[in-house]
């Protein structure tokens, strides 16, 4: 478990190598930083959950994403940070736009309270790759008064392979690629519903 940004130095070094200005690198790394500065890898998250039965895993991915990539079995809460907008196709990126779940804070608070999570219990927030969703969602939960909120840095799917026949496929680290318990079967007790 780390209490510092694991990405800022790497982003700065990459920016120099690629000739990108440091401000861009800082901005790219900043979306992964959290107010508390608490981060875990998928493996560390699982270990934390094994050591502390009060630890809860919150998945903030879109339900459609989970349908096709899988579900971490010990997930305690599922509330999406963003949702695919099927009425808004983005021709520039050739996919449907994603829109913020405007009820995220209300929904996640209700789920946390329903589980009886204490303000000092470990809360682990997971998205696909540990980038743009888990960190801001962790900050929202922190703002609710929870003091031990982690962003999972490699998410459910992990990082992309740099070379080989599967170059670009998310097959490094992450929950699914680390041999941790997951399934394509979604536990209906933890599945998100729009009116949750």
N, C-alpha and C. Protein backbone atom coordinates (compact mmCIF):
# COMPACT_ATOMS: atom_id res chain seq x y z
N UNK A 1 0.84 -1.17 0.00
CA UNK A 1 0.00 0.00 0.00
C UNK A 1 0.89 1.23 0.00
N UNK A 2 0.48 2.20 -0.77
CA UNK A 2 1.31 3.39 -0.93
C UNK A 2 0.55 4.62 -0.49
N UNK A 3 1.27 5.56 0.08
CA UNK A 3 0.68 6.84 0.43
C UNK A 3 1.48 7.92 -0.28
N UNK A 4 1.29 8.01 -1.58
CA UNK A 4 1.93 9.01 -2.43
C UNK A 4 1.49 8.70 -3.85
N UNK A 5 1.67 9.64 -4.74
CA UNK A 5 1.30 9.40 -6.12
C UNK A 5 2.34 8.52 -6.79
N UNK A 6 1.96 7.30 -7.20
CA UNK A 6 2.92 6.43 -7.85
C UNK A 6 3.13 6.77 -9.32
N UNK A 7 2.41 7.73 -9.82
CA UNK A 7 2.42 8.00 -11.25
C UNK A 7 3.10 9.30 -11.67
N UNK A 8 3.22 10.25 -10.77
CA UNK A 8 3.70 11.57 -11.15
C UNK A 8 5.12 11.53 -11.72
N UNK A 9 6.04 10.83 -11.04
CA UNK A 9 7.42 10.76 -11.53
C UNK A 9 7.49 10.07 -12.88
N UNK A 10 6.76 8.99 -13.04
CA UNK A 10 6.75 8.27 -14.32
C UNK A 10 6.19 9.16 -15.42
N UNK A 11 5.13 9.88 -15.13
CA UNK A 11 4.53 10.76 -16.12
C UNK A 11 5.48 11.89 -16.50
N UNK A 12 6.20 12.43 -15.51
CA UNK A 12 7.16 13.49 -15.78
C UNK A 12 8.29 12.97 -16.67
N UNK A 13 8.82 11.78 -16.34
CA UNK A 13 9.88 11.20 -17.15
C UNK A 13 9.42 10.90 -18.57
N UNK A 14 8.23 10.37 -18.69
CA UNK A 14 7.68 10.09 -20.01
C UNK A 14 7.47 11.37 -20.79
N UNK A 15 7.08 12.43 -20.11
CA UNK A 15 6.86 13.70 -20.80
C UNK A 15 8.15 14.25 -21.39
N UNK A 16 9.25 14.09 -20.64
CA UNK A 16 10.55 14.55 -21.15
C UNK A 16 10.95 13.72 -22.36
N UNK A 17 10.77 12.39 -22.25
CA UNK A 17 11.12 11.49 -23.34
C UNK A 17 10.32 11.80 -24.60
N UNK A 18 9.04 12.09 -24.43
CA UNK A 18 8.16 12.34 -25.57
C UNK A 18 8.14 13.80 -25.99
N UNK A 19 8.79 14.66 -25.23
CA UNK A 19 8.80 16.07 -25.56
C UNK A 19 7.50 16.77 -25.21
N UNK A 20 6.80 16.27 -24.20
CA UNK A 20 5.54 16.87 -23.76
C UNK A 20 5.85 17.80 -22.59
N UNK A 21 5.17 18.89 -22.52
CA UNK A 21 5.43 19.84 -21.44
C UNK A 21 5.10 19.24 -20.08
N UNK A 22 5.84 19.60 -19.02
CA UNK A 22 5.59 19.07 -17.68
C UNK A 22 4.16 19.33 -17.21
N UNK A 23 3.56 20.44 -17.59
CA UNK A 23 2.21 20.72 -17.12
C UNK A 23 1.23 19.67 -17.64
N UNK A 24 1.45 19.18 -18.85
CA UNK A 24 0.60 18.11 -19.37
C UNK A 24 0.80 16.84 -18.56
N UNK A 25 2.06 16.53 -18.26
CA UNK A 25 2.35 15.32 -17.49
C UNK A 25 1.72 15.40 -16.10
N UNK A 26 1.83 16.57 -15.47
CA UNK A 26 1.22 16.74 -14.15
C UNK A 26 -0.29 16.58 -14.22
N UNK A 27 -0.88 17.13 -15.27
CA UNK A 27 -2.32 17.00 -15.45
C UNK A 27 -2.71 15.55 -15.67
N UNK A 28 -1.93 14.82 -16.48
CA UNK A 28 -2.22 13.41 -16.75
C UNK A 28 -2.12 12.58 -15.49
N UNK A 29 -1.14 12.89 -14.63
CA UNK A 29 -0.97 12.14 -13.39
C UNK A 29 -2.00 12.55 -12.35
N UNK A 30 -2.43 13.81 -12.38
CA UNK A 30 -3.31 14.34 -11.34
C UNK A 30 -4.65 13.62 -11.28
N UNK A 31 -5.14 13.13 -12.39
CA UNK A 31 -6.44 12.47 -12.33
C UNK A 31 -6.38 11.17 -11.56
N UNK A 32 -5.19 10.70 -11.28
CA UNK A 32 -5.04 9.48 -10.49
C UNK A 32 -4.79 9.78 -9.03
N UNK A 33 -4.48 11.02 -8.70
CA UNK A 33 -4.19 11.36 -7.33
C UNK A 33 -5.49 11.54 -6.55
N UNK A 34 -5.43 11.21 -5.27
CA UNK A 34 -6.60 11.36 -4.41
C UNK A 34 -6.27 12.31 -3.26
N UNK A 35 -7.29 12.81 -2.63
CA UNK A 35 -7.12 13.71 -1.50
C UNK A 35 -6.32 13.05 -0.39
N UNK A 36 -6.64 11.79 -0.08
CA UNK A 36 -5.94 11.09 1.00
C UNK A 36 -4.58 10.54 0.57
N UNK A 37 -4.38 10.37 -0.74
CA UNK A 37 -3.12 9.82 -1.22
C UNK A 37 -2.94 8.35 -0.89
N UNK A 38 -4.04 7.60 -0.82
CA UNK A 38 -3.98 6.17 -0.51
C UNK A 38 -4.23 5.35 -1.77
N UNK A 39 -3.29 4.43 -2.07
CA UNK A 39 -3.37 3.64 -3.29
C UNK A 39 -3.01 2.19 -2.98
N UNK A 40 -3.66 1.27 -3.67
CA UNK A 40 -3.32 -0.15 -3.59
C UNK A 40 -3.38 -0.74 -4.99
N UNK A 41 -2.57 -1.77 -5.23
CA UNK A 41 -2.74 -2.57 -6.44
C UNK A 41 -3.87 -3.55 -6.18
N UNK A 42 -4.30 -4.25 -7.19
CA UNK A 42 -5.36 -5.26 -7.02
C UNK A 42 -4.92 -6.31 -6.01
N UNK A 43 -3.68 -6.77 -6.12
CA UNK A 43 -3.18 -7.79 -5.20
C UNK A 43 -3.15 -7.26 -3.76
N UNK A 44 -2.70 -6.03 -3.58
CA UNK A 44 -2.69 -5.43 -2.24
C UNK A 44 -4.11 -5.25 -1.71
N UNK A 45 -5.04 -4.90 -2.59
CA UNK A 45 -6.44 -4.74 -2.18
C UNK A 45 -6.99 -6.07 -1.67
N UNK A 46 -6.71 -7.13 -2.40
CA UNK A 46 -7.19 -8.45 -2.00
C UNK A 46 -6.58 -8.86 -0.65
N UNK A 47 -5.29 -8.60 -0.48
CA UNK A 47 -4.63 -8.91 0.79
C UNK A 47 -5.25 -8.12 1.93
N UNK A 48 -5.53 -6.84 1.69
CA UNK A 48 -6.17 -6.00 2.70
C UNK A 48 -7.53 -6.56 3.08
N UNK A 49 -8.27 -7.03 2.09
CA UNK A 49 -9.59 -7.60 2.36
C UNK A 49 -9.50 -8.91 3.12
N UNK A 50 -8.42 -9.67 2.90
CA UNK A 50 -8.22 -10.91 3.63
C UNK A 50 -7.83 -10.64 5.08
N UNK A 51 -7.07 -9.57 5.29
CA UNK A 51 -6.59 -9.21 6.63
C UNK A 51 -7.65 -8.49 7.46
N UNK A 52 -8.56 -7.78 6.80
CA UNK A 52 -9.55 -6.97 7.51
C UNK A 52 -10.93 -7.25 6.92
N UNK A 53 -11.73 -8.00 7.64
CA UNK A 53 -13.06 -8.36 7.13
C UNK A 53 -13.99 -7.16 6.99
N UNK A 54 -13.62 -6.03 7.56
CA UNK A 54 -14.43 -4.82 7.44
C UNK A 54 -14.14 -4.06 6.14
N UNK A 55 -13.07 -4.41 5.43
CA UNK A 55 -12.72 -3.73 4.18
C UNK A 55 -13.79 -4.03 3.13
N UNK A 56 -14.14 -3.01 2.36
CA UNK A 56 -15.18 -3.16 1.33
C UNK A 56 -14.63 -2.71 -0.02
N UNK A 57 -14.97 -3.47 -1.05
CA UNK A 57 -14.56 -3.16 -2.42
C UNK A 57 -15.74 -2.55 -3.16
N UNK A 58 -15.53 -1.35 -3.73
CA UNK A 58 -16.56 -0.66 -4.49
C UNK A 58 -16.13 -0.61 -5.96
N UNK A 59 -16.95 -1.17 -6.83
CA UNK A 59 -16.70 -1.15 -8.28
C UNK A 59 -17.47 0.03 -8.87
N UNK A 60 -16.76 0.91 -9.58
CA UNK A 60 -17.40 2.11 -10.13
C UNK A 60 -17.50 2.06 -11.67
N UNK A 61 -17.40 0.85 -12.24
CA UNK A 61 -17.50 0.71 -13.70
C UNK A 61 -18.96 0.66 -14.15
N UNK A 62 -19.17 0.98 -15.42
CA UNK A 62 -20.49 0.91 -16.04
C UNK A 62 -20.96 -0.55 -16.04
N UNK A 63 -22.24 -0.82 -15.80
CA UNK A 63 -22.74 -2.20 -15.79
C UNK A 63 -22.47 -2.96 -17.09
N UNK A 64 -22.53 -2.28 -18.23
CA UNK A 64 -22.28 -2.94 -19.51
C UNK A 64 -20.82 -3.38 -19.58
N UNK A 65 -19.93 -2.56 -19.09
CA UNK A 65 -18.51 -2.89 -19.04
C UNK A 65 -18.28 -4.15 -18.22
N UNK A 66 -18.93 -4.23 -17.08
CA UNK A 66 -18.81 -5.40 -16.21
C UNK A 66 -19.35 -6.64 -16.91
N UNK A 67 -20.43 -6.49 -17.63
CA UNK A 67 -21.03 -7.63 -18.34
C UNK A 67 -20.03 -8.31 -19.26
N UNK A 68 -19.20 -7.53 -19.93
CA UNK A 68 -18.28 -8.09 -20.92
C UNK A 68 -16.87 -8.35 -20.40
N UNK A 69 -16.51 -7.78 -19.24
CA UNK A 69 -15.14 -7.99 -18.75
C UNK A 69 -15.08 -8.80 -17.48
N UNK A 70 -16.15 -8.88 -16.73
CA UNK A 70 -16.17 -9.67 -15.51
C UNK A 70 -16.35 -8.84 -14.26
N UNK A 71 -16.52 -9.54 -13.13
CA UNK A 71 -16.89 -8.95 -11.85
C UNK A 71 -16.00 -9.54 -10.77
N UNK A 72 -15.36 -8.71 -9.97
CA UNK A 72 -14.55 -9.20 -8.85
C UNK A 72 -15.49 -9.78 -7.80
N UNK A 73 -15.29 -11.04 -7.45
CA UNK A 73 -16.23 -11.74 -6.57
C UNK A 73 -16.42 -11.10 -5.20
N UNK A 74 -15.38 -10.52 -4.57
CA UNK A 74 -15.64 -9.93 -3.26
C UNK A 74 -16.21 -8.51 -3.30
N UNK A 75 -16.70 -8.06 -4.45
CA UNK A 75 -17.27 -6.72 -4.54
C UNK A 75 -18.43 -6.60 -3.55
N UNK A 76 -18.40 -5.53 -2.77
CA UNK A 76 -19.46 -5.29 -1.81
C UNK A 76 -20.47 -4.26 -2.29
N UNK A 77 -20.02 -3.35 -3.18
CA UNK A 77 -20.88 -2.28 -3.67
C UNK A 77 -20.55 -2.04 -5.14
N UNK A 78 -21.58 -1.83 -5.94
CA UNK A 78 -21.38 -1.46 -7.34
C UNK A 78 -22.23 -0.23 -7.63
N UNK A 79 -21.57 0.90 -7.84
CA UNK A 79 -22.23 2.14 -8.25
C UNK A 79 -21.35 2.78 -9.32
N UNK A 80 -21.83 2.90 -10.56
CA UNK A 80 -20.99 3.45 -11.63
C UNK A 80 -20.70 4.94 -11.45
N UNK A 81 -19.45 5.31 -11.77
CA UNK A 81 -19.04 6.72 -11.76
C UNK A 81 -19.58 7.42 -13.00
N UNK A 82 -19.47 6.76 -14.14
CA UNK A 82 -20.01 7.26 -15.40
C UNK A 82 -20.83 6.15 -16.05
N UNK A 83 -21.72 6.55 -16.96
CA UNK A 83 -22.57 5.60 -17.67
C UNK A 83 -22.52 5.89 -19.16
N UNK A 84 -22.59 4.83 -19.96
CA UNK A 84 -22.65 5.00 -21.41
C UNK A 84 -23.97 5.67 -21.77
N UNK A 85 -23.90 6.68 -22.60
CA UNK A 85 -25.08 7.40 -23.06
C UNK A 85 -25.46 6.86 -24.44
N UNK A 86 -26.39 5.94 -24.48
CA UNK A 86 -26.75 5.28 -25.74
C UNK A 86 -27.42 6.22 -26.72
N UNK A 87 -27.85 7.38 -26.27
CA UNK A 87 -28.48 8.36 -27.16
C UNK A 87 -27.47 9.37 -27.72
N UNK A 88 -26.20 9.21 -27.38
CA UNK A 88 -25.21 10.21 -27.77
C UNK A 88 -23.96 9.51 -28.32
N UNK A 89 -23.96 9.23 -29.62
CA UNK A 89 -22.82 8.59 -30.27
C UNK A 89 -21.78 9.65 -30.61
N UNK A 90 -20.54 9.42 -30.19
CA UNK A 90 -19.45 10.34 -30.43
C UNK A 90 -18.71 9.90 -31.70
N UNK A 91 -18.96 10.60 -32.80
CA UNK A 91 -18.37 10.22 -34.08
C UNK A 91 -16.86 10.40 -34.09
N UNK A 92 -16.35 11.35 -33.33
CA UNK A 92 -14.91 11.59 -33.29
C UNK A 92 -14.17 10.38 -32.72
N UNK A 93 -14.70 9.79 -31.66
CA UNK A 93 -14.04 8.64 -31.05
C UNK A 93 -14.68 7.31 -31.45
N UNK A 94 -15.69 7.37 -32.30
CA UNK A 94 -16.38 6.17 -32.80
C UNK A 94 -16.94 5.27 -31.70
N UNK A 95 -17.55 5.90 -30.73
CA UNK A 95 -18.19 5.15 -29.65
C UNK A 95 -19.24 6.02 -28.98
N UNK A 96 -19.96 5.46 -28.06
CA UNK A 96 -20.96 6.24 -27.33
C UNK A 96 -20.28 7.06 -26.25
N UNK A 97 -20.77 8.24 -26.06
CA UNK A 97 -20.22 9.12 -25.02
C UNK A 97 -20.52 8.55 -23.64
N UNK A 98 -19.66 8.91 -22.71
CA UNK A 98 -19.87 8.53 -21.32
C UNK A 98 -20.31 9.78 -20.57
N UNK A 99 -21.30 9.63 -19.72
CA UNK A 99 -21.78 10.76 -18.92
C UNK A 99 -21.70 10.43 -17.44
N UNK A 100 -21.39 11.44 -16.65
CA UNK A 100 -21.28 11.26 -15.20
C UNK A 100 -22.60 10.77 -14.63
N UNK A 101 -22.53 9.82 -13.74
CA UNK A 101 -23.70 9.37 -12.99
C UNK A 101 -24.01 10.47 -11.98
N UNK A 102 -25.00 11.29 -12.29
CA UNK A 102 -25.29 12.47 -11.46
C UNK A 102 -25.75 12.09 -10.05
N UNK A 103 -26.15 10.85 -9.87
CA UNK A 103 -26.59 10.39 -8.56
C UNK A 103 -25.54 9.58 -7.82
N UNK A 104 -24.29 9.60 -8.33
CA UNK A 104 -23.25 8.76 -7.73
C UNK A 104 -23.13 8.96 -6.23
N UNK A 105 -22.99 10.21 -5.79
CA UNK A 105 -22.76 10.46 -4.37
C UNK A 105 -23.91 9.96 -3.50
N UNK A 106 -25.13 10.19 -3.93
CA UNK A 106 -26.31 9.74 -3.17
C UNK A 106 -26.38 8.22 -3.15
N UNK A 107 -26.15 7.60 -4.32
CA UNK A 107 -26.24 6.14 -4.43
C UNK A 107 -25.14 5.44 -3.64
N UNK A 108 -23.91 5.92 -3.77
CA UNK A 108 -22.81 5.25 -3.07
C UNK A 108 -22.94 5.45 -1.56
N UNK A 109 -23.40 6.61 -1.14
CA UNK A 109 -23.59 6.84 0.30
C UNK A 109 -24.65 5.90 0.86
N UNK A 110 -25.74 5.72 0.12
CA UNK A 110 -26.80 4.81 0.57
C UNK A 110 -26.29 3.37 0.68
N UNK A 111 -25.48 2.96 -0.28
CA UNK A 111 -24.95 1.59 -0.26
C UNK A 111 -23.95 1.41 0.89
N UNK A 112 -23.09 2.40 1.09
CA UNK A 112 -22.11 2.33 2.18
C UNK A 112 -22.82 2.25 3.53
N UNK A 113 -23.83 3.09 3.70
CA UNK A 113 -24.58 3.09 4.96
C UNK A 113 -25.35 1.79 5.15
N UNK A 114 -25.92 1.25 4.07
CA UNK A 114 -26.66 -0.01 4.15
C UNK A 114 -25.76 -1.17 4.59
N UNK A 115 -24.48 -1.12 4.21
CA UNK A 115 -23.53 -2.16 4.63
C UNK A 115 -23.01 -1.93 6.05
N UNK A 116 -23.30 -0.78 6.62
CA UNK A 116 -22.83 -0.47 7.96
C UNK A 116 -21.34 -0.20 8.04
N UNK A 117 -20.80 0.38 6.97
CA UNK A 117 -19.38 0.69 6.92
C UNK A 117 -19.09 1.85 7.87
N UNK A 118 -18.10 1.66 8.74
CA UNK A 118 -17.69 2.72 9.67
C UNK A 118 -16.82 3.72 8.95
N UNK A 119 -16.72 4.92 9.51
CA UNK A 119 -15.95 5.98 8.85
C UNK A 119 -14.45 5.69 8.79
N UNK A 120 -13.97 4.72 9.59
CA UNK A 120 -12.55 4.38 9.52
C UNK A 120 -12.30 2.99 8.93
N UNK A 121 -13.32 2.35 8.38
CA UNK A 121 -13.14 1.07 7.70
C UNK A 121 -12.44 1.29 6.36
N UNK A 122 -11.59 0.35 5.93
CA UNK A 122 -10.96 0.49 4.62
C UNK A 122 -11.99 0.36 3.49
N UNK A 123 -11.96 1.31 2.58
CA UNK A 123 -12.81 1.30 1.39
C UNK A 123 -11.89 1.34 0.18
N UNK A 124 -12.06 0.38 -0.72
CA UNK A 124 -11.22 0.27 -1.92
C UNK A 124 -12.09 0.55 -3.12
N UNK A 125 -11.68 1.51 -3.95
CA UNK A 125 -12.47 1.88 -5.13
C UNK A 125 -11.74 1.38 -6.37
N UNK A 126 -12.50 0.67 -7.22
CA UNK A 126 -11.93 0.03 -8.41
C UNK A 126 -12.68 0.44 -9.67
N UNK A 127 -11.92 0.79 -10.71
CA UNK A 127 -12.50 0.99 -12.04
C UNK A 127 -11.79 0.03 -12.99
N UNK A 128 -11.74 0.32 -14.26
CA UNK A 128 -11.13 -0.60 -15.23
C UNK A 128 -9.62 -0.67 -15.08
N UNK A 129 -8.97 0.50 -15.08
CA UNK A 129 -7.51 0.51 -15.13
C UNK A 129 -6.86 1.38 -14.05
N UNK A 130 -7.64 1.87 -13.12
CA UNK A 130 -7.08 2.70 -12.05
C UNK A 130 -6.77 4.10 -12.50
N UNK A 131 -7.55 4.62 -13.41
CA UNK A 131 -7.25 5.92 -13.98
C UNK A 131 -8.28 6.97 -13.60
N UNK A 132 -9.19 7.26 -14.50
CA UNK A 132 -10.03 8.45 -14.37
C UNK A 132 -11.28 8.28 -13.51
N UNK A 133 -11.58 7.11 -13.04
CA UNK A 133 -12.82 6.93 -12.27
C UNK A 133 -12.59 6.61 -10.80
N UNK A 134 -11.66 5.72 -10.49
CA UNK A 134 -11.50 5.32 -9.08
C UNK A 134 -11.00 6.47 -8.20
N UNK A 135 -10.09 7.28 -8.71
CA UNK A 135 -9.56 8.38 -7.89
C UNK A 135 -10.61 9.44 -7.57
N UNK A 136 -11.34 9.98 -8.56
CA UNK A 136 -12.35 10.98 -8.19
C UNK A 136 -13.48 10.39 -7.36
N UNK A 137 -13.82 9.11 -7.60
CA UNK A 137 -14.86 8.47 -6.78
C UNK A 137 -14.37 8.33 -5.34
N UNK A 138 -13.09 7.99 -5.18
CA UNK A 138 -12.52 7.91 -3.83
C UNK A 138 -12.59 9.25 -3.13
N UNK A 139 -12.36 10.33 -3.87
CA UNK A 139 -12.44 11.66 -3.27
C UNK A 139 -13.86 12.01 -2.83
N UNK A 140 -14.85 11.61 -3.59
CA UNK A 140 -16.24 11.85 -3.20
C UNK A 140 -16.55 11.12 -1.90
N UNK A 141 -16.08 9.89 -1.80
CA UNK A 141 -16.31 9.09 -0.59
C UNK A 141 -15.55 9.69 0.59
N UNK A 142 -14.35 10.15 0.35
CA UNK A 142 -13.57 10.82 1.40
C UNK A 142 -14.32 12.06 1.91
N UNK A 143 -14.89 12.82 0.99
CA UNK A 143 -15.63 14.04 1.36
C UNK A 143 -16.85 13.72 2.23
N UNK A 144 -17.31 12.48 2.21
CA UNK A 144 -18.43 12.06 3.05
C UNK A 144 -17.98 11.77 4.48
N UNK A 145 -16.67 11.86 4.72
CA UNK A 145 -16.16 11.66 6.07
C UNK A 145 -15.46 10.33 6.29
N UNK A 146 -15.22 9.56 5.25
CA UNK A 146 -14.52 8.28 5.38
C UNK A 146 -13.01 8.54 5.28
N UNK A 147 -12.24 7.92 6.17
CA UNK A 147 -10.84 8.31 6.32
C UNK A 147 -9.82 7.29 5.80
N UNK A 148 -10.28 6.17 5.27
CA UNK A 148 -9.36 5.12 4.81
C UNK A 148 -9.80 4.63 3.43
N UNK A 149 -9.78 5.54 2.46
CA UNK A 149 -10.31 5.26 1.12
C UNK A 149 -9.15 5.16 0.13
N UNK A 150 -9.07 4.00 -0.53
CA UNK A 150 -7.98 3.70 -1.46
C UNK A 150 -8.48 3.70 -2.90
N UNK A 151 -7.63 4.17 -3.80
CA UNK A 151 -7.87 4.02 -5.23
C UNK A 151 -7.00 2.86 -5.70
N UNK A 152 -7.62 1.88 -6.38
CA UNK A 152 -6.88 0.73 -6.90
C UNK A 152 -6.17 1.15 -8.19
N UNK A 153 -4.84 1.15 -8.17
CA UNK A 153 -4.05 1.73 -9.26
C UNK A 153 -4.06 0.93 -10.55
N UNK A 154 -4.32 -0.35 -10.50
CA UNK A 154 -4.34 -1.14 -11.73
C UNK A 154 -5.73 -1.63 -12.11
N UNK A 155 -6.73 -1.31 -11.31
CA UNK A 155 -8.12 -1.60 -11.64
C UNK A 155 -8.43 -3.06 -11.88
N UNK A 156 -9.56 -3.29 -12.53
CA UNK A 156 -10.00 -4.66 -12.79
C UNK A 156 -9.21 -5.31 -13.92
N UNK A 157 -8.97 -4.56 -15.00
CA UNK A 157 -8.34 -5.14 -16.18
C UNK A 157 -6.84 -4.92 -16.26
N UNK A 158 -6.29 -3.99 -15.52
CA UNK A 158 -4.86 -3.75 -15.55
C UNK A 158 -4.40 -2.95 -16.74
N UNK A 159 -3.11 -3.04 -17.02
CA UNK A 159 -2.50 -2.26 -18.08
C UNK A 159 -2.43 -3.02 -19.40
N UNK A 160 -2.08 -2.26 -20.45
CA UNK A 160 -1.99 -2.82 -21.80
C UNK A 160 -0.61 -3.41 -22.05
N UNK A 161 -0.59 -4.49 -22.82
CA UNK A 161 0.68 -5.10 -23.23
C UNK A 161 1.35 -4.18 -24.24
N UNK A 162 2.67 -4.02 -24.13
CA UNK A 162 3.43 -3.13 -25.00
C UNK A 162 3.88 -3.79 -26.29
N UNK A 163 3.90 -5.11 -26.31
CA UNK A 163 4.41 -5.79 -27.51
C UNK A 163 3.76 -7.15 -27.66
N UNK A 164 4.09 -7.81 -28.76
CA UNK A 164 3.58 -9.15 -29.02
C UNK A 164 2.27 -9.14 -29.78
N UNK A 165 1.74 -10.34 -30.01
CA UNK A 165 0.50 -10.49 -30.77
C UNK A 165 -0.69 -9.82 -30.10
N UNK A 166 -0.63 -9.70 -28.79
CA UNK A 166 -1.74 -9.10 -28.04
C UNK A 166 -1.43 -7.67 -27.61
N UNK A 167 -0.54 -7.00 -28.32
CA UNK A 167 -0.18 -5.62 -28.00
C UNK A 167 -1.44 -4.77 -27.90
N UNK A 168 -1.52 -3.96 -26.85
CA UNK A 168 -2.67 -3.08 -26.65
C UNK A 168 -3.80 -3.70 -25.85
N UNK A 169 -3.75 -5.01 -25.60
CA UNK A 169 -4.78 -5.69 -24.82
C UNK A 169 -4.47 -5.50 -23.34
N UNK A 170 -5.49 -5.24 -22.54
CA UNK A 170 -5.30 -5.07 -21.09
C UNK A 170 -5.13 -6.46 -20.46
N UNK A 171 -3.88 -6.86 -20.35
CA UNK A 171 -3.59 -8.21 -19.84
C UNK A 171 -2.43 -8.21 -18.84
N UNK A 172 -2.11 -7.04 -18.28
CA UNK A 172 -1.06 -6.94 -17.27
C UNK A 172 -1.66 -6.50 -15.95
N UNK A 173 -1.38 -7.24 -14.92
CA UNK A 173 -1.81 -6.87 -13.58
C UNK A 173 -3.33 -6.71 -13.51
N UNK A 174 -3.81 -5.85 -12.65
CA UNK A 174 -5.25 -5.69 -12.47
C UNK A 174 -5.84 -6.91 -11.77
N UNK A 175 -7.08 -6.77 -11.35
CA UNK A 175 -7.75 -7.84 -10.61
C UNK A 175 -7.82 -9.12 -11.43
N UNK A 176 -8.30 -9.01 -12.64
CA UNK A 176 -8.54 -10.20 -13.47
C UNK A 176 -7.25 -10.92 -13.84
N UNK A 177 -6.19 -10.17 -14.12
CA UNK A 177 -4.94 -10.78 -14.58
C UNK A 177 -4.00 -11.18 -13.45
N UNK A 178 -4.40 -10.95 -12.22
CA UNK A 178 -3.54 -11.28 -11.07
C UNK A 178 -3.97 -12.58 -10.39
N UNK A 179 -4.89 -13.29 -10.99
CA UNK A 179 -5.33 -14.56 -10.42
C UNK A 179 -6.23 -14.41 -9.22
N UNK A 180 -6.86 -13.26 -9.08
CA UNK A 180 -7.77 -13.02 -7.95
C UNK A 180 -9.18 -13.50 -8.32
N UNK A 181 -10.03 -13.76 -7.35
CA UNK A 181 -11.35 -14.34 -7.65
C UNK A 181 -12.26 -13.38 -8.42
N UNK A 182 -12.68 -13.82 -9.61
CA UNK A 182 -13.59 -13.04 -10.44
C UNK A 182 -14.42 -14.00 -11.27
N UNK A 183 -15.48 -13.47 -11.87
CA UNK A 183 -16.36 -14.29 -12.68
C UNK A 183 -17.12 -13.41 -13.66
N UNK A 184 -17.63 -14.02 -14.72
CA UNK A 184 -18.55 -13.30 -15.61
C UNK A 184 -19.94 -13.28 -15.01
N UNK A 185 -20.19 -14.13 -14.02
CA UNK A 185 -21.47 -14.13 -13.33
C UNK A 185 -21.50 -13.00 -12.32
N UNK A 186 -22.45 -12.11 -12.48
CA UNK A 186 -22.57 -10.95 -11.61
C UNK A 186 -23.49 -11.29 -10.45
N UNK A 187 -23.01 -11.06 -9.25
CA UNK A 187 -23.82 -11.33 -8.06
C UNK A 187 -24.98 -10.33 -8.03
N UNK A 188 -26.22 -10.82 -8.14
CA UNK A 188 -27.37 -9.90 -8.17
C UNK A 188 -27.53 -9.07 -6.90
N UNK A 189 -26.96 -9.54 -5.79
CA UNK A 189 -27.05 -8.78 -4.54
C UNK A 189 -26.24 -7.50 -4.60
N UNK A 190 -25.24 -7.44 -5.48
CA UNK A 190 -24.38 -6.28 -5.58
C UNK A 190 -24.50 -5.56 -6.91
N UNK A 191 -25.35 -6.04 -7.80
CA UNK A 191 -25.53 -5.41 -9.11
C UNK A 191 -26.20 -4.05 -8.94
N UNK A 192 -25.77 -3.10 -9.76
CA UNK A 192 -26.33 -1.75 -9.71
C UNK A 192 -27.61 -1.67 -10.54
N UNK A 193 -28.58 -0.99 -10.00
CA UNK A 193 -29.83 -0.71 -10.72
C UNK A 193 -30.00 0.79 -10.79
N UNK A 194 -30.49 1.35 -11.91
CA UNK A 194 -30.60 2.81 -12.04
C UNK A 194 -31.35 3.49 -10.92
N UNK A 195 -32.29 2.82 -10.30
CA UNK A 195 -33.06 3.48 -9.24
C UNK A 195 -32.55 3.13 -7.85
N UNK A 196 -31.30 2.60 -7.74
CA UNK A 196 -30.72 2.31 -6.42
C UNK A 196 -30.60 3.58 -5.62
